[in-house]
Amino acid sequence: MKNLLASILILLVVGCKKEKRVIEEIDFETEYMFNSEIEDKILSDTLTDPRFTGFKYQMGASEYASKGDYQNALSTWDLATGTRDTAYTISEIDSINEKYKKVNAVNLIVKQSKEYKLLIINEAHHNSSHRVFTKSLLKKLYKNGYSNIGFEDLDNGSNKDSLLNKRKYPLQKSGFYMTDPQFGDLVRSALEIGFNVFSYEQTSDVNGTEREIEQARNIQKVIEERPNEKFIIHCGYAHALEGNYESWGKAMAGRLTEFTGIDPLTIYQVLYTEKSKPEFNHPLLKALKLTEAIALIDKEGNPMEYVRGESWSDIAILHPNTVFENGRPNWLIKNGNKMIKLNLKNIEMDYPIMVLAYKKGEDIKTAIPMDILEVENKTEFINLVLRQGEYEIVVRNSNGRAQKFQLNTE
């Protein structure tokens, strides 16, 4: 019901605290899609060439990740890449345990980072937990002297968000994958801590090899402008590989060393991370039964690398299986976040609905929400995961009706 400005009173429950809040009907459009819309988009893709059919699932996984739907993102990605159930033998597991010791991944990275000027960490673009892990490093790396962070996903060139460092929060148009609330808050957190945030993606229409070169040249330029400062680069997949990489000659990380002479600390998150079902996980994950993100070190204290042919990253990160608490991934409840129980029993609109939580003071039409939940059927409570602070909550259904109210989590 658009253009209706009448307000109604509603009783909401936040934790155990009851407060009366004012809800208003608003005009609100969003690019975030309901699950049914994502499913329809995947089904409408009629490509039959087996070389390309996986692409629609990759894009679908990214759409699910953009709205914080972690489980559907994993499941859809697995449709794109395929799965298999493999395991190590008991003797292989014994050999791993004899050779390596598990250590906390954050602590190891922070310790190792002290000796470096440049740290490069990657992500899988459908996996929000990788963004949360990078965010968990920021304050400690800042204390170690790192003051600049570059994001592959930030648009560059004519679409560059030139006001980002001044505004202090990213917009949905700042980058394609950045619409994920966890990616948005990774960038927001970096800005709040005091990092200079910059883009480095290629701006010309180039092939894979040339893209790696252009990315590295763009980073090199920023480094040369700030010669006495330290840098973090958050990239995707193989861009974090050093050495010779078969597909591109060298990946971005290898090109950076070639162009600058700087040896980076490279961190690889992608391989040893959960699939949609535990049986599809890498056999090393199944063997180790993790409860936190870890790295493996040998008896000399050297981290286990990720190696692909003649390329490598210095530290391979192994992530545990997600535990869901009240329907939300347990890794969300970190970095100052807490579970907020919200009563929806008096929301009178057709379901499904999408609940979007925006940080107070940010533009709800353009900003990236702090959290998003789709609710399929009318229910009494949902669980948002938010920092302490003030928020504007927008509730919208698939018919376009939207309402807004204020929420204080302190």
Protein backbone atom coordinates (compact mmCIF):
# COMPACT_ATOMS: atom_id res chain seq x y z
CA MET A 1 0.00 0.00 0.00
CA LYS A 2 2.09 2.87 -1.31
CA ASN A 3 1.97 6.57 -0.50
CA LEU A 4 0.10 5.82 2.73
CA LEU A 5 1.56 7.92 5.54
CA ALA A 6 -0.73 6.91 8.38
CA SER A 7 1.07 5.36 11.31
CA ILE A 8 -0.04 2.66 13.69
CA LEU A 9 1.23 1.57 17.08
CA ILE A 10 2.64 -1.87 17.53
CA LEU A 11 4.05 -3.75 20.52
CA LEU A 12 7.44 -5.26 19.77
CA VAL A 13 9.65 -7.37 21.98
CA VAL A 14 13.40 -6.81 21.90
CA GLY A 15 15.02 -9.44 24.09
CA CYS A 16 13.03 -9.18 27.30
CA LYS A 17 12.37 -5.45 26.96
CA LYS A 18 8.91 -4.33 25.84
CA GLU A 19 8.53 -0.99 24.13
CA LYS A 20 5.88 0.72 22.04
CA ARG A 21 7.11 1.68 18.63
CA VAL A 22 5.67 3.65 15.75
CA ILE A 23 5.43 1.97 12.38
CA GLU A 24 4.86 3.90 9.19
CA GLU A 25 3.95 2.77 5.72
CA ILE A 26 6.63 3.80 3.24
CA ASP A 27 7.48 3.64 -0.45
CA PHE A 28 10.44 1.28 -0.65
CA GLU A 29 12.02 -0.49 -3.60
CA THR A 30 14.97 -2.85 -3.32
CA GLU A 31 17.23 -4.92 -5.56
CA TYR A 32 17.27 -7.74 -3.00
CA MET A 33 15.24 -10.66 -4.32
CA PHE A 34 12.96 -13.09 -2.55
CA ASN A 35 13.98 -16.75 -2.71
CA SER A 36 11.22 -17.51 -5.20
CA GLU A 37 12.56 -14.79 -7.50
CA ILE A 38 16.08 -16.20 -7.33
CA GLU A 39 14.76 -19.69 -8.07
CA ASP A 40 12.73 -18.39 -11.02
CA LYS A 41 15.81 -16.58 -12.36
CA ILE A 42 17.85 -19.78 -12.22
CA LEU A 43 15.10 -21.83 -13.89
CA SER A 44 14.62 -19.24 -16.63
CA ASP A 45 18.23 -19.66 -17.76
CA THR A 46 17.94 -21.94 -20.79
CA LEU A 47 21.64 -22.49 -21.49
CA THR A 48 22.20 -26.14 -22.35
CA ASP A 49 25.91 -26.09 -23.22
CA PRO A 50 27.52 -28.05 -20.33
CA ARG A 51 30.44 -25.61 -20.32
CA PHE A 52 28.15 -22.81 -19.15
CA THR A 53 25.20 -24.36 -17.29
CA GLY A 54 27.03 -24.06 -13.98
CA PHE A 55 27.19 -20.29 -14.35
CA LYS A 56 23.50 -19.81 -13.55
CA TYR A 57 24.01 -21.63 -10.24
CA GLN A 58 27.09 -19.55 -9.46
CA MET A 59 25.07 -16.38 -10.01
CA GLY A 60 22.19 -17.81 -7.99
CA ALA A 61 24.56 -18.59 -5.13
CA SER A 62 25.80 -15.00 -5.22
CA GLU A 63 22.20 -13.72 -5.11
CA TYR A 64 21.50 -15.83 -2.03
CA ALA A 65 24.73 -14.63 -0.40
CA SER A 66 23.80 -11.02 -1.14
CA LYS A 67 20.75 -11.36 1.11
CA GLY A 68 22.57 -13.28 3.82
CA ASP A 69 20.99 -16.66 3.01
CA TYR A 70 24.08 -18.72 3.79
CA GLN A 71 22.66 -22.23 3.49
CA ASN A 72 21.01 -21.65 0.12
CA ALA A 73 24.19 -19.97 -1.12
CA LEU A 74 26.20 -23.10 -0.26
CA SER A 75 23.65 -25.50 -1.76
CA THR A 76 23.34 -23.56 -5.00
CA TRP A 77 27.11 -23.21 -5.36
CA ASP A 78 27.46 -26.97 -5.00
CA LEU A 79 25.05 -27.41 -7.93
CA ALA A 80 27.48 -25.32 -10.00
CA THR A 81 30.69 -27.06 -9.01
CA GLY A 82 29.56 -30.58 -8.13
CA THR A 83 30.22 -32.59 -4.98
CA ARG A 84 31.76 -35.86 -3.91
CA ASP A 85 32.07 -37.81 -0.69
CA THR A 86 35.71 -38.70 0.05
CA ALA A 87 37.59 -39.39 3.26
CA TYR A 88 41.11 -40.07 4.45
CA THR A 89 42.05 -43.44 5.83
CA ILE A 90 42.90 -43.84 9.51
CA SER A 91 46.62 -44.08 8.67
CA GLU A 92 46.41 -40.88 6.62
CA ILE A 93 44.72 -39.08 9.51
CA ASP A 94 47.37 -40.36 11.93
CA SER A 95 50.08 -39.08 9.60
CA ILE A 96 48.48 -35.60 9.48
CA ASN A 97 48.23 -35.46 13.27
CA GLU A 98 51.84 -36.58 13.59
CA LYS A 99 53.11 -33.92 11.18
CA TYR A 100 50.95 -30.93 12.12
CA LYS A 101 49.52 -29.13 15.12
CA LYS A 102 46.33 -27.06 15.06
CA VAL A 103 46.63 -23.39 16.03
CA ASN A 104 44.11 -20.55 16.14
CA ALA A 105 44.08 -18.97 12.68
CA VAL A 106 43.56 -15.37 13.79
CA ASN A 107 46.40 -15.51 16.32
CA LEU A 108 48.80 -17.02 13.78
CA ILE A 109 47.99 -14.46 11.07
CA VAL A 110 48.32 -11.53 13.48
CA LYS A 111 51.67 -12.84 14.72
CA GLN A 112 53.04 -13.49 11.22
CA SER A 113 51.74 -10.17 9.87
CA LYS A 114 54.14 -8.15 12.04
CA GLU A 115 57.00 -9.00 9.71
CA TYR A 116 55.21 -8.00 6.49
CA LYS A 117 54.23 -4.82 4.68
CA LEU A 118 51.55 -6.48 2.55
CA LEU A 119 48.91 -9.08 3.49
CA ILE A 120 46.64 -10.67 0.87
CA ILE A 121 43.60 -12.74 1.90
CA ASN A 122 41.03 -14.30 -0.41
CA GLU A 123 37.38 -15.33 -0.26
CA ALA A 124 34.85 -17.42 -2.14
CA HIS A 125 32.32 -14.95 -3.49
CA HIS A 126 29.32 -16.98 -2.29
CA ASN A 127 30.63 -17.46 1.25
CA SER A 128 29.80 -14.74 3.79
CA SER A 129 31.80 -16.46 6.55
CA HIS A 130 35.05 -15.59 4.75
CA ARG A 131 34.13 -11.90 4.97
CA VAL A 132 33.38 -12.26 8.66
CA PHE A 133 36.78 -13.90 9.17
CA THR A 134 38.59 -11.04 7.44
CA LYS A 135 36.63 -8.58 9.59
CA SER A 136 37.79 -10.42 12.71
CA LEU A 137 41.39 -9.58 11.77
CA LEU A 138 41.00 -5.86 11.17
CA LYS A 139 41.47 -4.32 14.62
CA LYS A 140 44.48 -6.49 15.40
CA LEU A 141 46.10 -5.84 12.02
CA TYR A 142 45.50 -2.11 12.48
CA LYS A 143 47.43 -2.31 15.75
CA ASN A 144 50.21 -4.02 13.81
CA GLY A 145 50.50 -0.98 11.56
CA TYR A 146 48.21 -1.89 8.67
CA SER A 147 46.33 1.24 7.64
CA ASN A 148 45.17 0.62 4.05
CA ILE A 149 42.84 -2.03 2.67
CA GLY A 150 41.94 -2.71 -0.95
CA PHE A 151 38.87 -4.66 -2.04
CA GLU A 152 38.64 -6.41 -5.38
CA ASP A 153 34.87 -5.98 -5.40
CA LEU A 154 34.88 -2.19 -5.11
CA ASP A 155 34.00 -0.65 -8.45
CA ASN A 156 36.79 1.28 -10.08
CA GLY A 157 37.09 3.73 -12.94
CA SER A 158 33.96 5.67 -13.93
CA ASN A 159 31.82 3.74 -11.42
CA LYS A 160 34.21 4.28 -8.51
CA ASP A 161 32.62 5.23 -5.18
CA SER A 162 34.77 8.32 -4.72
CA LEU A 163 32.97 9.41 -1.52
CA LEU A 164 33.39 6.11 0.32
CA ASN A 165 36.14 7.16 2.73
CA LYS A 166 34.28 10.38 3.56
CA ARG A 167 30.81 8.79 3.88
CA LYS A 168 32.14 5.94 6.07
CA TYR A 169 29.83 3.26 4.72
CA PRO A 170 29.47 1.52 1.33
CA LEU A 171 26.44 1.68 -0.94
CA GLN A 172 24.73 -1.20 -2.73
CA LYS A 173 26.18 0.19 -5.97
CA SER A 174 29.72 0.31 -4.52
CA GLY A 175 30.37 -3.27 -5.65
CA PHE A 176 28.56 -6.32 -7.03
CA TYR A 177 29.18 -8.75 -4.15
CA MET A 178 29.24 -6.00 -1.54
CA THR A 179 25.45 -6.03 -1.19
CA ASP A 180 25.92 -8.97 1.21
CA PRO A 181 25.37 -7.47 4.70
CA GLN A 182 28.56 -9.15 5.93
CA PHE A 183 30.63 -7.74 3.08
CA GLY A 184 29.10 -4.31 3.59
CA ASP A 185 29.94 -4.43 7.28
CA LEU A 186 33.48 -5.62 6.55
CA VAL A 187 34.01 -2.40 4.58
CA ARG A 188 32.07 -0.30 7.11
CA SER A 189 34.16 -1.72 9.96
CA ALA A 190 37.41 -0.99 8.14
CA LEU A 191 36.33 2.62 7.68
CA GLU A 192 35.26 2.95 11.33
CA ILE A 193 38.60 1.57 12.54
CA GLY A 194 40.46 4.15 10.47
CA PHE A 195 41.62 2.27 7.36
CA ASN A 196 42.03 4.02 4.04
CA VAL A 197 39.82 1.92 1.75
CA PHE A 198 40.63 1.75 -1.96
CA SER A 199 39.61 -0.02 -5.15
CA TYR A 200 42.02 -1.70 -7.55
CA GLU A 201 39.96 -3.70 -10.06
CA GLN A 202 40.79 -3.45 -13.75
CA THR A 203 38.86 -0.85 -15.74
CA SER A 204 39.60 -2.03 -19.27
CA ASP A 205 38.14 -4.96 -21.20
CA VAL A 206 40.98 -7.43 -20.82
CA ASN A 207 41.65 -11.17 -20.64
CA GLY A 208 42.58 -13.05 -17.46
CA THR A 209 46.34 -12.52 -17.69
CA GLU A 210 45.98 -8.81 -18.39
CA ARG A 211 43.45 -8.45 -15.55
CA GLU A 212 45.99 -9.79 -13.04
CA ILE A 213 48.60 -7.36 -14.35
CA GLU A 214 46.23 -4.38 -14.24
CA GLN A 215 45.05 -5.21 -10.72
CA ALA A 216 48.65 -5.46 -9.52
CA ARG A 217 49.63 -2.21 -11.23
CA ASN A 218 46.70 -0.42 -9.58
CA ILE A 219 47.75 -1.69 -6.15
CA GLN A 220 51.38 -0.83 -6.88
CA LYS A 221 50.37 2.76 -7.56
CA VAL A 222 48.65 3.09 -4.16
CA ILE A 223 51.62 1.50 -2.39
CA GLU A 224 54.02 3.92 -4.05
CA GLU A 225 51.83 6.85 -2.97
CA ARG A 226 52.10 5.64 0.65
CA PRO A 227 55.60 4.13 0.81
CA ASN A 228 55.85 3.92 4.60
CA GLU A 229 52.46 2.31 5.19
CA LYS A 230 51.14 -1.26 5.37
CA PHE A 231 48.45 -2.80 3.18
CA ILE A 232 45.75 -5.48 3.25
CA ILE A 233 44.23 -6.79 0.01
CA HIS A 234 40.93 -8.71 0.17
CA CYS A 235 40.44 -10.57 -3.11
CA GLY A 236 38.68 -13.56 -4.61
CA TYR A 237 39.92 -17.09 -5.15
CA ALA A 238 43.20 -17.57 -7.05
CA HIS A 239 44.20 -13.90 -7.07
CA ALA A 240 45.92 -14.58 -3.73
CA LEU A 241 48.38 -17.07 -5.26
CA GLU A 242 52.10 -16.35 -5.47
CA GLY A 243 54.54 -17.94 -7.91
CA ASN A 244 53.69 -19.15 -11.40
CA TYR A 245 50.00 -19.80 -12.07
CA GLU A 246 49.19 -21.89 -15.13
CA SER A 247 46.08 -20.00 -16.30
CA TRP A 248 47.49 -16.46 -16.10
CA GLY A 249 51.27 -16.86 -15.96
CA LYS A 250 51.08 -15.22 -12.56
CA ALA A 251 48.11 -14.24 -10.41
CA MET A 252 47.71 -10.74 -8.95
CA ALA A 253 49.73 -11.63 -5.82
CA GLY A 254 52.61 -12.95 -7.92
CA ARG A 255 52.51 -9.90 -10.19
CA LEU A 256 52.66 -7.59 -7.17
CA THR A 257 55.89 -9.20 -6.04
CA GLU A 258 57.24 -8.93 -9.59
CA PHE A 259 56.38 -5.22 -9.83
CA THR A 260 57.22 -4.05 -6.29
CA GLY A 261 59.75 -6.53 -4.92
CA ILE A 262 57.49 -6.95 -1.87
CA ASP A 263 56.98 -10.45 -0.51
CA PRO A 264 53.36 -10.57 0.73
CA LEU A 265 51.83 -12.73 3.45
CA THR A 266 49.21 -14.63 1.47
CA ILE A 267 46.23 -16.37 3.07
CA TYR A 268 43.92 -18.87 1.35
CA GLN A 269 40.42 -19.47 2.77
CA VAL A 270 38.60 -21.17 -0.08
CA LEU A 271 39.51 -24.87 -0.24
CA TYR A 272 39.17 -25.97 3.37
CA THR A 273 35.71 -24.58 4.04
CA GLU A 274 32.37 -26.31 4.39
CA LYS A 275 30.11 -27.46 1.58
CA SER A 276 26.33 -27.60 1.76
CA LYS A 277 26.51 -30.96 3.55
CA PRO A 278 29.32 -32.24 5.82
CA GLU A 279 29.84 -35.38 3.72
CA PHE A 280 30.87 -33.18 0.78
CA ASN A 281 33.61 -31.41 2.75
CA HIS A 282 37.29 -31.77 1.91
CA PRO A 283 38.58 -34.94 3.63
CA LEU A 284 40.99 -32.87 5.73
CA LEU A 285 38.06 -30.99 7.28
CA LYS A 286 36.27 -34.24 8.01
CA ALA A 287 39.40 -35.68 9.60
CA LEU A 288 40.11 -32.77 11.97
CA LYS A 289 36.62 -32.04 13.40
CA LEU A 290 37.18 -28.33 14.00
CA THR A 291 35.40 -25.95 16.39
CA GLU A 292 37.18 -22.76 15.26
CA ALA A 293 39.10 -21.44 12.28
CA ILE A 294 42.60 -22.92 12.43
CA ALA A 295 45.86 -23.20 10.57
CA LEU A 296 48.21 -26.17 10.72
CA ILE A 297 51.85 -25.75 11.68
CA ASP A 298 54.62 -28.33 11.46
CA LYS A 299 57.15 -29.14 14.18
CA GLU A 300 59.32 -26.22 13.11
CA GLY A 301 56.38 -23.84 13.44
CA ASN A 302 55.90 -23.35 9.69
CA PRO A 303 52.28 -22.98 8.52
CA MET A 304 50.82 -25.45 6.03
CA GLU A 305 50.60 -23.68 2.68
CA TYR A 306 47.93 -23.97 0.04
CA VAL A 307 49.71 -25.23 -3.08
CA ARG A 308 48.44 -25.45 -6.66
CA GLY A 309 51.06 -26.55 -9.16
CA GLU A 310 53.85 -23.95 -9.07
CA SER A 311 51.73 -21.41 -7.17
CA TRP A 312 50.97 -21.11 -3.48
CA SER A 313 49.59 -19.08 -0.60
CA ASP A 314 51.58 -18.95 2.65
CA ILE A 315 48.82 -19.99 5.05
CA ALA A 316 45.85 -22.29 4.39
CA ILE A 317 42.90 -21.54 6.68
CA LEU A 318 40.59 -24.37 7.72
CA HIS A 319 37.08 -23.38 8.71
CA PRO A 320 34.75 -25.46 10.92
CA ASN A 321 31.22 -26.49 10.02
CA THR A 322 28.66 -23.84 10.88
CA VAL A 323 26.46 -24.38 13.92
CA PHE A 324 23.08 -22.69 13.60
CA GLU A 325 21.71 -20.91 16.67
CA ASN A 326 18.04 -20.00 16.39
CA GLY A 327 18.39 -20.39 12.66
CA ARG A 328 21.43 -18.10 12.33
CA PRO A 329 25.07 -19.07 11.68
CA ASN A 330 27.10 -19.03 14.90
CA TRP A 331 29.95 -17.10 13.25
CA LEU A 332 27.64 -14.11 12.85
CA ILE A 333 27.54 -13.69 16.63
CA LYS A 334 31.08 -12.30 16.83
CA ASN A 335 32.87 -8.98 16.47
CA GLY A 336 30.41 -7.26 18.84
CA ASN A 337 27.25 -8.69 17.25
CA LYS A 338 24.44 -10.12 19.34
CA MET A 339 21.17 -11.94 18.72
CA ILE A 340 18.13 -9.65 18.77
CA LYS A 341 14.74 -11.30 19.23
CA LEU A 342 12.12 -9.35 17.33
CA ASN A 343 8.35 -9.84 17.62
CA LEU A 344 6.48 -9.81 14.31
CA LYS A 345 3.10 -11.10 15.45
CA ASN A 346 1.39 -7.76 14.81
CA ILE A 347 2.87 -7.22 11.34
CA GLU A 348 -0.20 -7.26 9.15
CA MET A 349 0.85 -7.90 5.57
CA ASP A 350 0.96 -10.82 3.17
CA TYR A 351 3.89 -13.21 3.52
CA PRO A 352 6.64 -13.92 2.60
CA ILE A 353 8.27 -10.79 3.95
CA MET A 354 11.83 -9.50 3.93
CA VAL A 355 13.16 -7.81 7.08
CA LEU A 356 16.06 -5.43 6.45
CA ALA A 357 17.96 -3.75 9.31
CA TYR A 358 19.71 -0.47 8.42
CA LYS A 359 22.12 1.40 10.65
CA LYS A 360 20.50 4.64 11.82
CA GLY A 361 21.84 7.57 9.85
CA GLU A 362 22.53 5.57 6.67
CA ASP A 363 20.24 6.02 3.67
CA ILE A 364 17.86 3.03 3.54
CA LYS A 365 17.40 3.52 -0.22
CA THR A 366 21.08 3.12 -1.04
CA ALA A 367 22.98 1.66 1.96
CA ILE A 368 23.75 -2.00 2.55
CA PRO A 369 21.65 -3.42 5.40
CA MET A 370 23.36 -4.73 8.53
CA ASP A 371 21.17 -7.84 8.39
CA ILE A 372 18.47 -9.34 6.16
CA LEU A 373 16.01 -12.14 6.87
CA GLU A 374 13.32 -13.57 4.65
CA VAL A 375 10.33 -14.91 6.58
CA GLU A 376 8.22 -17.37 4.61
CA ASN A 377 5.19 -17.65 6.87
CA LYS A 378 3.60 -15.55 9.58
CA THR A 379 5.50 -16.11 12.80
CA GLU A 380 5.81 -14.52 16.21
CA PHE A 381 9.56 -14.02 16.47
CA ILE A 382 12.62 -13.73 14.28
CA ASN A 383 16.27 -13.40 15.28
CA LEU A 384 18.32 -10.58 13.81
CA VAL A 385 22.07 -10.37 14.44
CA LEU A 386 23.20 -6.80 15.03
CA ARG A 387 25.71 -4.67 16.87
CA GLN A 388 24.59 -2.43 19.70
CA GLY A 389 23.07 0.74 18.30
CA GLU A 390 20.10 2.33 16.64
CA TYR A 391 18.48 0.91 13.52
CA GLU A 392 15.73 1.49 11.03
CA ILE A 393 13.89 -1.76 10.32
CA VAL A 394 12.16 -2.09 6.96
CA VAL A 395 9.62 -4.88 6.40
CA ARG A 396 8.63 -5.47 2.78
CA ASN A 397 6.60 -8.17 1.08
CA SER A 398 6.74 -9.49 -2.47
CA ASN A 399 3.79 -7.30 -3.46
CA GLY A 400 5.83 -4.18 -2.70
CA ARG A 401 4.10 -3.14 0.52
CA ALA A 402 6.63 -1.80 3.04
CA GLN A 403 6.69 -0.54 6.61
CA LYS A 404 9.44 1.03 8.70
CA PHE A 405 10.10 1.36 12.42
CA GLN A 406 12.96 2.25 14.76
CA LEU A 407 14.92 -0.24 16.86
CA ASN A 408 17.47 0.36 19.62
CA THR A 409 19.54 -2.68 20.61
CA GLU A 410 21.43 -1.04 23.49
